Amino acid sequence: MESHLGAMVEDGLTNAKPVSLLIFDIDFFKSVNDTYGHAAGDAVLKEFSQRISQNVRGVDLACRMGGEEFVVVMPDTDLAYAKMVAERLRTRIGETPFKIDEGQDLNVTVSIGIAVVEGAGDTAEKLIERADAALYRAKREGRNRVEAEAA
């Protein structure tokens, strides 16, 4: 992800086109593993990644960053469009329970942070830091929400 993100940021800067980054964190994921076991956690992660893939464009880069954190890099995407996509994804994650075992479903929500390339001198690392800060603000503000980087 890091090499692709760096290339996408450079391309966006070179062509004066926005690049947006969404960072997702499954709310209270540790309790899924602790309560239902790691097999259930794995089932949630698999279904979560499928729901993300089904709701982004082919040009977007969606991948797992680690643990229960995922990212979507969206080239040629401004903040308004990124917010719309993030809200759609948040809704799609939360509206249908996840099947963790035969006959057992689990409601899952997600917090999402958004950042957009700011201009000359911006880097992939700075973009990740700003999206991560927005993600932690979403978690502090009650989870199951989308927050964009501070202006």
N, C-alpha and C. Protein backbone atom coordinates (compact mmCIF):
# COMPACT_ATOMS: atom_id res chain seq x y z
N MET A 1 0.81 -1.19 0.00
CA MET A 1 0.00 0.00 0.00
C MET A 1 0.85 1.26 0.00
N GLU A 2 1.93 1.25 0.80
CA GLU A 2 2.72 2.47 0.93
C GLU A 2 3.35 2.91 -0.38
N SER A 3 3.85 1.97 -1.18
CA SER A 3 4.47 2.36 -2.45
C SER A 3 3.41 2.88 -3.42
N HIS A 4 2.25 2.22 -3.45
CA HIS A 4 1.17 2.69 -4.33
C HIS A 4 0.64 4.04 -3.87
N LEU A 5 0.49 4.20 -2.57
CA LEU A 5 0.00 5.48 -2.04
C LEU A 5 0.97 6.60 -2.40
N GLY A 6 2.25 6.36 -2.21
CA GLY A 6 3.25 7.37 -2.56
C GLY A 6 3.16 7.77 -4.03
N ALA A 7 3.01 6.79 -4.90
CA ALA A 7 2.91 7.07 -6.34
C ALA A 7 1.62 7.83 -6.65
N MET A 8 0.53 7.48 -5.98
CA MET A 8 -0.74 8.16 -6.23
C MET A 8 -0.69 9.61 -5.74
N VAL A 9 -0.05 9.84 -4.61
CA VAL A 9 0.10 11.20 -4.08
C VAL A 9 0.95 12.02 -5.06
N GLU A 10 2.07 11.47 -5.49
CA GLU A 10 2.94 12.17 -6.45
C GLU A 10 2.20 12.50 -7.73
N ASP A 11 1.44 11.53 -8.25
CA ASP A 11 0.68 11.73 -9.48
C ASP A 11 -0.35 12.84 -9.28
N GLY A 12 -1.03 12.82 -8.14
CA GLY A 12 -2.02 13.86 -7.86
C GLY A 12 -1.39 15.24 -7.78
N LEU A 13 -0.23 15.32 -7.13
CA LEU A 13 0.47 16.61 -7.04
C LEU A 13 0.94 17.08 -8.40
N THR A 14 1.50 16.17 -9.18
CA THR A 14 2.00 16.52 -10.51
C THR A 14 0.89 17.02 -11.42
N ASN A 15 -0.27 16.39 -11.35
CA ASN A 15 -1.38 16.72 -12.24
C ASN A 15 -2.42 17.64 -11.60
N ALA A 16 -2.10 18.17 -10.42
CA ALA A 16 -3.00 19.08 -9.69
C ALA A 16 -4.39 18.48 -9.53
N LYS A 17 -4.43 17.20 -9.14
CA LYS A 17 -5.71 16.51 -8.91
C LYS A 17 -5.73 16.01 -7.47
N PRO A 18 -6.89 16.08 -6.84
CA PRO A 18 -6.97 15.65 -5.44
C PRO A 18 -6.83 14.13 -5.30
N VAL A 19 -6.29 13.73 -4.16
CA VAL A 19 -6.22 12.32 -3.77
C VAL A 19 -6.74 12.26 -2.34
N SER A 20 -7.71 11.39 -2.11
CA SER A 20 -8.28 11.25 -0.78
C SER A 20 -7.91 9.89 -0.19
N LEU A 21 -7.79 9.87 1.13
CA LEU A 21 -7.47 8.64 1.84
C LEU A 21 -8.51 8.44 2.94
N LEU A 22 -9.10 7.25 2.96
CA LEU A 22 -10.03 6.87 4.02
C LEU A 22 -9.34 5.81 4.88
N ILE A 23 -9.38 5.97 6.18
CA ILE A 23 -8.90 4.94 7.10
C ILE A 23 -10.10 4.46 7.91
N PHE A 24 -10.31 3.14 7.92
CA PHE A 24 -11.42 2.50 8.61
C PHE A 24 -10.90 1.73 9.81
N ASP A 25 -11.66 1.76 10.88
CA ASP A 25 -11.36 0.93 12.04
C ASP A 25 -12.68 0.34 12.53
N ILE A 26 -12.74 -1.00 12.58
CA ILE A 26 -13.95 -1.66 13.04
C ILE A 26 -14.12 -1.36 14.53
N ASP A 27 -15.28 -0.84 14.88
CA ASP A 27 -15.54 -0.45 16.27
C ASP A 27 -15.61 -1.69 17.17
N PHE A 28 -14.89 -1.62 18.28
CA PHE A 28 -14.91 -2.66 19.31
C PHE A 28 -14.56 -4.05 18.76
N PHE A 29 -13.63 -4.10 17.80
CA PHE A 29 -13.30 -5.40 17.18
C PHE A 29 -12.69 -6.38 18.17
N LYS A 30 -11.92 -5.88 19.12
CA LYS A 30 -11.30 -6.77 20.11
C LYS A 30 -12.36 -7.60 20.84
N SER A 31 -13.49 -6.98 21.11
CA SER A 31 -14.55 -7.72 21.81
C SER A 31 -15.14 -8.82 20.94
N VAL A 32 -15.08 -8.68 19.61
CA VAL A 32 -15.55 -9.75 18.72
C VAL A 32 -14.66 -10.98 18.93
N ASN A 33 -13.36 -10.78 18.87
CA ASN A 33 -12.43 -11.90 19.08
C ASN A 33 -12.56 -12.47 20.50
N ASP A 34 -12.65 -11.59 21.49
CA ASP A 34 -12.72 -12.04 22.88
C ASP A 34 -14.01 -12.79 23.18
N THR A 35 -15.11 -12.36 22.61
CA THR A 35 -16.42 -12.94 22.90
C THR A 35 -16.75 -14.16 22.03
N TYR A 36 -16.44 -14.05 20.74
CA TYR A 36 -16.87 -15.09 19.80
C TYR A 36 -15.73 -15.94 19.25
N GLY A 37 -14.49 -15.54 19.49
CA GLY A 37 -13.34 -16.30 19.03
C GLY A 37 -12.74 -15.73 17.75
N HIS A 38 -11.51 -16.16 17.47
CA HIS A 38 -10.78 -15.62 16.32
C HIS A 38 -11.39 -16.04 14.98
N ALA A 39 -12.03 -17.19 14.92
CA ALA A 39 -12.69 -17.60 13.67
C ALA A 39 -13.80 -16.61 13.32
N ALA A 40 -14.54 -16.17 14.33
CA ALA A 40 -15.60 -15.18 14.11
C ALA A 40 -14.97 -13.85 13.68
N GLY A 41 -13.88 -13.47 14.33
CA GLY A 41 -13.17 -12.25 13.94
C GLY A 41 -12.70 -12.31 12.51
N ASP A 42 -12.18 -13.46 12.10
CA ASP A 42 -11.73 -13.63 10.71
C ASP A 42 -12.90 -13.51 9.74
N ALA A 43 -14.06 -14.08 10.11
CA ALA A 43 -15.24 -13.99 9.25
C ALA A 43 -15.68 -12.53 9.10
N VAL A 44 -15.62 -11.78 10.19
CA VAL A 44 -15.98 -10.35 10.13
C VAL A 44 -15.00 -9.60 9.22
N LEU A 45 -13.71 -9.85 9.36
CA LEU A 45 -12.71 -9.18 8.52
C LEU A 45 -12.92 -9.48 7.05
N LYS A 46 -13.21 -10.74 6.74
CA LYS A 46 -13.42 -11.13 5.34
C LYS A 46 -14.64 -10.43 4.76
N GLU A 47 -15.75 -10.47 5.48
CA GLU A 47 -16.98 -9.83 5.00
C GLU A 47 -16.81 -8.31 4.94
N PHE A 48 -16.11 -7.74 5.90
CA PHE A 48 -15.84 -6.30 5.93
C PHE A 48 -15.09 -5.88 4.66
N SER A 49 -14.04 -6.62 4.33
CA SER A 49 -13.26 -6.28 3.14
C SER A 49 -14.10 -6.42 1.87
N GLN A 50 -14.99 -7.41 1.83
CA GLN A 50 -15.87 -7.57 0.67
C GLN A 50 -16.82 -6.39 0.53
N ARG A 51 -17.35 -5.94 1.64
CA ARG A 51 -18.28 -4.79 1.58
C ARG A 51 -17.56 -3.53 1.12
N ILE A 52 -16.32 -3.35 1.55
CA ILE A 52 -15.56 -2.20 1.06
C ILE A 52 -15.35 -2.32 -0.44
N SER A 53 -14.86 -3.47 -0.88
CA SER A 53 -14.57 -3.68 -2.32
C SER A 53 -15.80 -3.47 -3.19
N GLN A 54 -16.96 -3.86 -2.70
CA GLN A 54 -18.20 -3.74 -3.47
C GLN A 54 -18.68 -2.29 -3.57
N ASN A 55 -18.13 -1.40 -2.76
CA ASN A 55 -18.64 -0.04 -2.70
C ASN A 55 -17.63 1.04 -3.05
N VAL A 56 -16.53 0.65 -3.71
CA VAL A 56 -15.56 1.63 -4.20
C VAL A 56 -15.35 1.40 -5.70
N ARG A 57 -14.74 2.36 -6.34
CA ARG A 57 -14.49 2.26 -7.78
C ARG A 57 -13.30 1.34 -8.05
N GLY A 58 -13.21 0.86 -9.27
CA GLY A 58 -12.10 0.00 -9.68
C GLY A 58 -10.76 0.71 -9.60
N VAL A 59 -10.74 2.02 -9.76
CA VAL A 59 -9.50 2.80 -9.74
C VAL A 59 -9.00 3.03 -8.31
N ASP A 60 -9.88 2.85 -7.32
CA ASP A 60 -9.50 3.07 -5.93
C ASP A 60 -8.68 1.88 -5.42
N LEU A 61 -7.76 2.17 -4.52
CA LEU A 61 -6.92 1.13 -3.92
C LEU A 61 -7.46 0.85 -2.52
N ALA A 62 -8.03 -0.35 -2.33
CA ALA A 62 -8.55 -0.76 -1.03
C ALA A 62 -7.67 -1.87 -0.49
N CYS A 63 -7.22 -1.73 0.76
CA CYS A 63 -6.39 -2.78 1.35
C CYS A 63 -6.45 -2.74 2.88
N ARG A 64 -6.01 -3.84 3.45
CA ARG A 64 -5.95 -3.94 4.90
C ARG A 64 -4.62 -3.36 5.35
N MET A 65 -4.69 -2.48 6.33
CA MET A 65 -3.47 -1.83 6.83
C MET A 65 -2.87 -2.63 7.97
N GLY A 66 -3.70 -3.33 8.70
CA GLY A 66 -3.24 -4.14 9.82
C GLY A 66 -4.35 -4.29 10.82
N GLY A 67 -4.37 -5.42 11.52
CA GLY A 67 -5.41 -5.65 12.51
C GLY A 67 -6.78 -5.47 11.91
N GLU A 68 -7.57 -4.56 12.49
CA GLU A 68 -8.90 -4.27 11.98
C GLU A 68 -8.95 -2.92 11.26
N GLU A 69 -7.79 -2.44 10.82
CA GLU A 69 -7.72 -1.18 10.08
C GLU A 69 -7.57 -1.44 8.58
N PHE A 70 -8.37 -0.71 7.81
CA PHE A 70 -8.35 -0.80 6.35
C PHE A 70 -8.20 0.61 5.81
N VAL A 71 -7.70 0.71 4.57
CA VAL A 71 -7.60 2.00 3.90
C VAL A 71 -8.18 1.90 2.50
N VAL A 72 -8.66 3.04 2.02
CA VAL A 72 -9.03 3.18 0.62
C VAL A 72 -8.38 4.47 0.14
N VAL A 73 -7.58 4.36 -0.91
CA VAL A 73 -6.95 5.51 -1.53
C VAL A 73 -7.76 5.82 -2.78
N MET A 74 -8.20 7.07 -2.90
CA MET A 74 -9.10 7.46 -3.98
C MET A 74 -8.48 8.57 -4.83
N PRO A 75 -7.88 8.20 -5.98
CA PRO A 75 -7.30 9.23 -6.85
C PRO A 75 -8.40 10.09 -7.49
N ASP A 76 -8.04 11.32 -7.80
CA ASP A 76 -8.94 12.25 -8.47
C ASP A 76 -10.26 12.39 -7.71
N THR A 77 -10.15 12.49 -6.37
CA THR A 77 -11.33 12.54 -5.51
C THR A 77 -11.17 13.65 -4.49
N ASP A 78 -12.12 14.59 -4.51
CA ASP A 78 -12.07 15.69 -3.54
C ASP A 78 -12.75 15.28 -2.23
N LEU A 79 -12.68 16.17 -1.25
CA LEU A 79 -13.20 15.87 0.08
C LEU A 79 -14.70 15.59 0.07
N ALA A 80 -15.46 16.36 -0.69
CA ALA A 80 -16.92 16.17 -0.71
C ALA A 80 -17.28 14.77 -1.21
N TYR A 81 -16.65 14.33 -2.28
CA TYR A 81 -16.94 13.00 -2.81
C TYR A 81 -16.45 11.92 -1.85
N ALA A 82 -15.28 12.13 -1.26
CA ALA A 82 -14.73 11.15 -0.31
C ALA A 82 -15.67 11.00 0.89
N LYS A 83 -16.23 12.10 1.37
CA LYS A 83 -17.18 12.03 2.49
C LYS A 83 -18.42 11.24 2.10
N MET A 84 -18.92 11.47 0.88
CA MET A 84 -20.10 10.76 0.42
C MET A 84 -19.83 9.25 0.37
N VAL A 85 -18.68 8.87 -0.16
CA VAL A 85 -18.32 7.45 -0.24
C VAL A 85 -18.15 6.87 1.17
N ALA A 86 -17.48 7.61 2.05
CA ALA A 86 -17.27 7.13 3.42
C ALA A 86 -18.59 6.92 4.14
N GLU A 87 -19.53 7.84 3.99
CA GLU A 87 -20.84 7.68 4.62
C GLU A 87 -21.58 6.48 4.04
N ARG A 88 -21.48 6.30 2.73
CA ARG A 88 -22.12 5.14 2.11
C ARG A 88 -21.52 3.85 2.68
N LEU A 89 -20.21 3.80 2.79
CA LEU A 89 -19.55 2.61 3.34
C LEU A 89 -19.93 2.39 4.80
N ARG A 90 -19.95 3.44 5.59
CA ARG A 90 -20.33 3.33 7.00
C ARG A 90 -21.74 2.74 7.11
N THR A 91 -22.64 3.22 6.27
CA THR A 91 -24.01 2.72 6.27
C THR A 91 -24.07 1.26 5.84
N ARG A 92 -23.36 0.91 4.77
CA ARG A 92 -23.39 -0.47 4.27
C ARG A 92 -22.78 -1.46 5.26
N ILE A 93 -21.81 -1.00 6.03
CA ILE A 93 -21.22 -1.88 7.05
C ILE A 93 -22.25 -2.12 8.16
N GLY A 94 -22.92 -1.07 8.60
CA GLY A 94 -23.79 -1.18 9.75
C GLY A 94 -25.20 -1.66 9.49
N GLU A 95 -25.68 -1.61 8.24
CA GLU A 95 -27.09 -1.90 7.99
C GLU A 95 -27.43 -3.40 7.95
N THR A 96 -26.46 -4.23 7.65
CA THR A 96 -26.71 -5.67 7.56
C THR A 96 -25.78 -6.41 8.51
N PRO A 97 -26.34 -7.20 9.42
CA PRO A 97 -25.47 -7.95 10.35
C PRO A 97 -24.50 -8.87 9.62
N PHE A 98 -23.38 -9.13 10.25
CA PHE A 98 -22.35 -10.02 9.73
C PHE A 98 -22.64 -11.43 10.23
N LYS A 99 -22.59 -12.41 9.34
CA LYS A 99 -22.81 -13.81 9.72
C LYS A 99 -21.47 -14.34 10.25
N ILE A 100 -21.44 -14.69 11.53
CA ILE A 100 -20.18 -15.18 12.12
C ILE A 100 -20.19 -16.68 12.33
N ASP A 101 -21.38 -17.25 12.28
CA ASP A 101 -21.52 -18.69 12.44
C ASP A 101 -22.90 -19.05 11.92
N GLU A 102 -23.12 -20.30 11.64
CA GLU A 102 -24.44 -20.72 11.17
C GLU A 102 -25.50 -20.30 12.19
N GLY A 103 -26.41 -19.44 11.75
CA GLY A 103 -27.48 -19.00 12.63
C GLY A 103 -27.11 -17.90 13.61
N GLN A 104 -25.87 -17.39 13.53
CA GLN A 104 -25.45 -16.34 14.47
C GLN A 104 -24.94 -15.14 13.70
N ASP A 105 -25.60 -14.01 13.91
CA ASP A 105 -25.23 -12.76 13.26
C ASP A 105 -24.72 -11.77 14.29
N LEU A 106 -23.93 -10.81 13.81
CA LEU A 106 -23.32 -9.81 14.68
C LEU A 106 -23.43 -8.45 14.02
N ASN A 107 -23.91 -7.47 14.77
CA ASN A 107 -23.93 -6.10 14.26
C ASN A 107 -22.55 -5.50 14.42
N VAL A 108 -22.08 -4.87 13.35
CA VAL A 108 -20.74 -4.28 13.32
C VAL A 108 -20.88 -2.84 12.83
N THR A 109 -20.13 -1.93 13.46
CA THR A 109 -20.06 -0.56 12.98
C THR A 109 -18.60 -0.21 12.72
N VAL A 110 -18.40 0.93 12.06
CA VAL A 110 -17.06 1.34 11.68
C VAL A 110 -16.91 2.84 11.88
N SER A 111 -15.71 3.24 12.26
CA SER A 111 -15.33 4.65 12.32
C SER A 111 -14.38 4.90 11.16
N ILE A 112 -14.52 6.07 10.52
CA ILE A 112 -13.73 6.37 9.32
C ILE A 112 -13.13 7.77 9.44
N GLY A 113 -11.84 7.87 9.12
CA GLY A 113 -11.15 9.16 9.04
C GLY A 113 -10.78 9.45 7.60
N ILE A 114 -10.87 10.72 7.21
CA ILE A 114 -10.58 11.12 5.83
C ILE A 114 -9.54 12.23 5.82
N ALA A 115 -8.62 12.14 4.85
CA ALA A 115 -7.69 13.23 4.58
C ALA A 115 -7.52 13.36 3.07
N VAL A 116 -7.18 14.57 2.63
CA VAL A 116 -6.98 14.84 1.20
C VAL A 116 -5.62 15.49 1.02
N VAL A 117 -4.95 15.13 -0.07
CA VAL A 117 -3.65 15.75 -0.38
C VAL A 117 -3.83 17.26 -0.42
N GLU A 118 -2.94 17.97 0.29
CA GLU A 118 -3.09 19.42 0.43
C GLU A 118 -2.35 20.23 -0.62
N GLY A 119 -1.30 19.68 -1.19
CA GLY A 119 -0.55 20.43 -2.19
C GLY A 119 0.92 20.17 -2.07
N ALA A 120 1.70 21.00 -2.75
CA ALA A 120 3.14 20.83 -2.82
C ALA A 120 3.73 20.57 -1.44
N GLY A 121 4.61 19.60 -1.37
CA GLY A 121 5.26 19.25 -0.12
C GLY A 121 4.51 18.21 0.68
N ASP A 122 3.28 17.88 0.26
CA ASP A 122 2.54 16.85 0.97
C ASP A 122 3.13 15.49 0.63
N THR A 123 2.98 14.55 1.55
CA THR A 123 3.54 13.21 1.36
C THR A 123 2.50 12.16 1.77
N ALA A 124 2.76 10.93 1.38
CA ALA A 124 1.90 9.82 1.79
C ALA A 124 1.86 9.71 3.31
N GLU A 125 3.00 9.88 3.95
CA GLU A 125 3.07 9.77 5.40
C GLU A 125 2.21 10.84 6.09
N LYS A 126 2.28 12.08 5.59
CA LYS A 126 1.47 13.15 6.17
C LYS A 126 -0.02 12.89 5.96
N LEU A 127 -0.36 12.35 4.79
CA LEU A 127 -1.75 12.03 4.49
C LEU A 127 -2.28 10.98 5.46
N ILE A 128 -1.50 9.94 5.70
CA ILE A 128 -1.89 8.89 6.64
C ILE A 128 -2.04 9.47 8.05
N GLU A 129 -1.11 10.31 8.46
CA GLU A 129 -1.18 10.92 9.81
C GLU A 129 -2.46 11.73 9.98
N ARG A 130 -2.83 12.53 8.96
CA ARG A 130 -4.02 13.37 9.07
C ARG A 130 -5.30 12.52 9.06
N ALA A 131 -5.34 11.49 8.22
CA ALA A 131 -6.51 10.60 8.20
C ALA A 131 -6.63 9.86 9.52
N ASP A 132 -5.49 9.45 10.06
CA ASP A 132 -5.48 8.74 11.34
C ASP A 132 -5.98 9.65 12.46
N ALA A 133 -5.58 10.91 12.44
CA ALA A 133 -6.06 11.87 13.45
C ALA A 133 -7.58 12.04 13.34
N ALA A 134 -8.09 12.09 12.11
CA ALA A 134 -9.53 12.20 11.89
C ALA A 134 -10.24 10.94 12.39
N LEU A 135 -9.63 9.79 12.16
CA LEU A 135 -10.20 8.52 12.64
C LEU A 135 -10.31 8.53 14.17
N TYR A 136 -9.25 8.95 14.84
CA TYR A 136 -9.30 8.97 16.31
C TYR A 136 -10.30 9.98 16.83
N ARG A 137 -10.52 11.06 16.10
CA ARG A 137 -11.55 12.02 16.48
C ARG A 137 -12.93 11.35 16.35
N ALA A 138 -13.14 10.57 15.29
CA ALA A 138 -14.41 9.84 15.11
C ALA A 138 -14.64 8.89 16.26
N LYS A 139 -13.59 8.23 16.72
CA LYS A 139 -13.72 7.29 17.83
C LYS A 139 -14.02 8.04 19.14
N ARG A 140 -13.33 9.15 19.37
CA ARG A 140 -13.57 9.94 20.57
C ARG A 140 -14.98 10.53 20.60
N GLU A 141 -15.50 10.86 19.43
CA GLU A 141 -16.82 11.49 19.34
C GLU A 141 -17.98 10.49 19.38
N GLY A 142 -17.68 9.21 19.58
CA GLY A 142 -18.75 8.25 19.77
C GLY A 142 -18.76 7.05 18.84
N ARG A 143 -17.83 6.97 17.91
CA ARG A 143 -17.73 5.84 16.97
C ARG A 143 -18.90 5.81 16.00
N ASN A 144 -18.81 4.88 15.04
CA ASN A 144 -19.83 4.73 13.99
C ASN A 144 -20.10 6.07 13.32
N ARG A 145 -19.00 6.72 12.92
CA ARG A 145 -19.11 8.03 12.28
C ARG A 145 -17.94 8.29 11.35
N VAL A 146 -18.08 9.30 10.52
CA VAL A 146 -17.05 9.73 9.59
C VAL A 146 -16.57 11.10 10.03
N GLU A 147 -15.25 11.27 10.09
CA GLU A 147 -14.66 12.58 10.38
C GLU A 147 -13.59 12.88 9.34
N ALA A 148 -13.56 14.11 8.90
CA ALA A 148 -12.53 14.55 7.96
C ALA A 148 -11.46 15.31 8.74
N GLU A 149 -10.28 15.38 8.13
CA GLU A 149 -9.18 16.12 8.75
C GLU A 149 -9.62 17.54 9.06
N ALA A 150 -9.04 18.11 10.08
CA ALA A 150 -9.35 19.50 10.44
C ALA A 150 -8.82 20.42 9.36
N ALA A 151 -9.58 21.47 9.06
CA ALA A 151 -9.18 22.42 8.02
C ALA A 151 -8.06 23.31 8.49
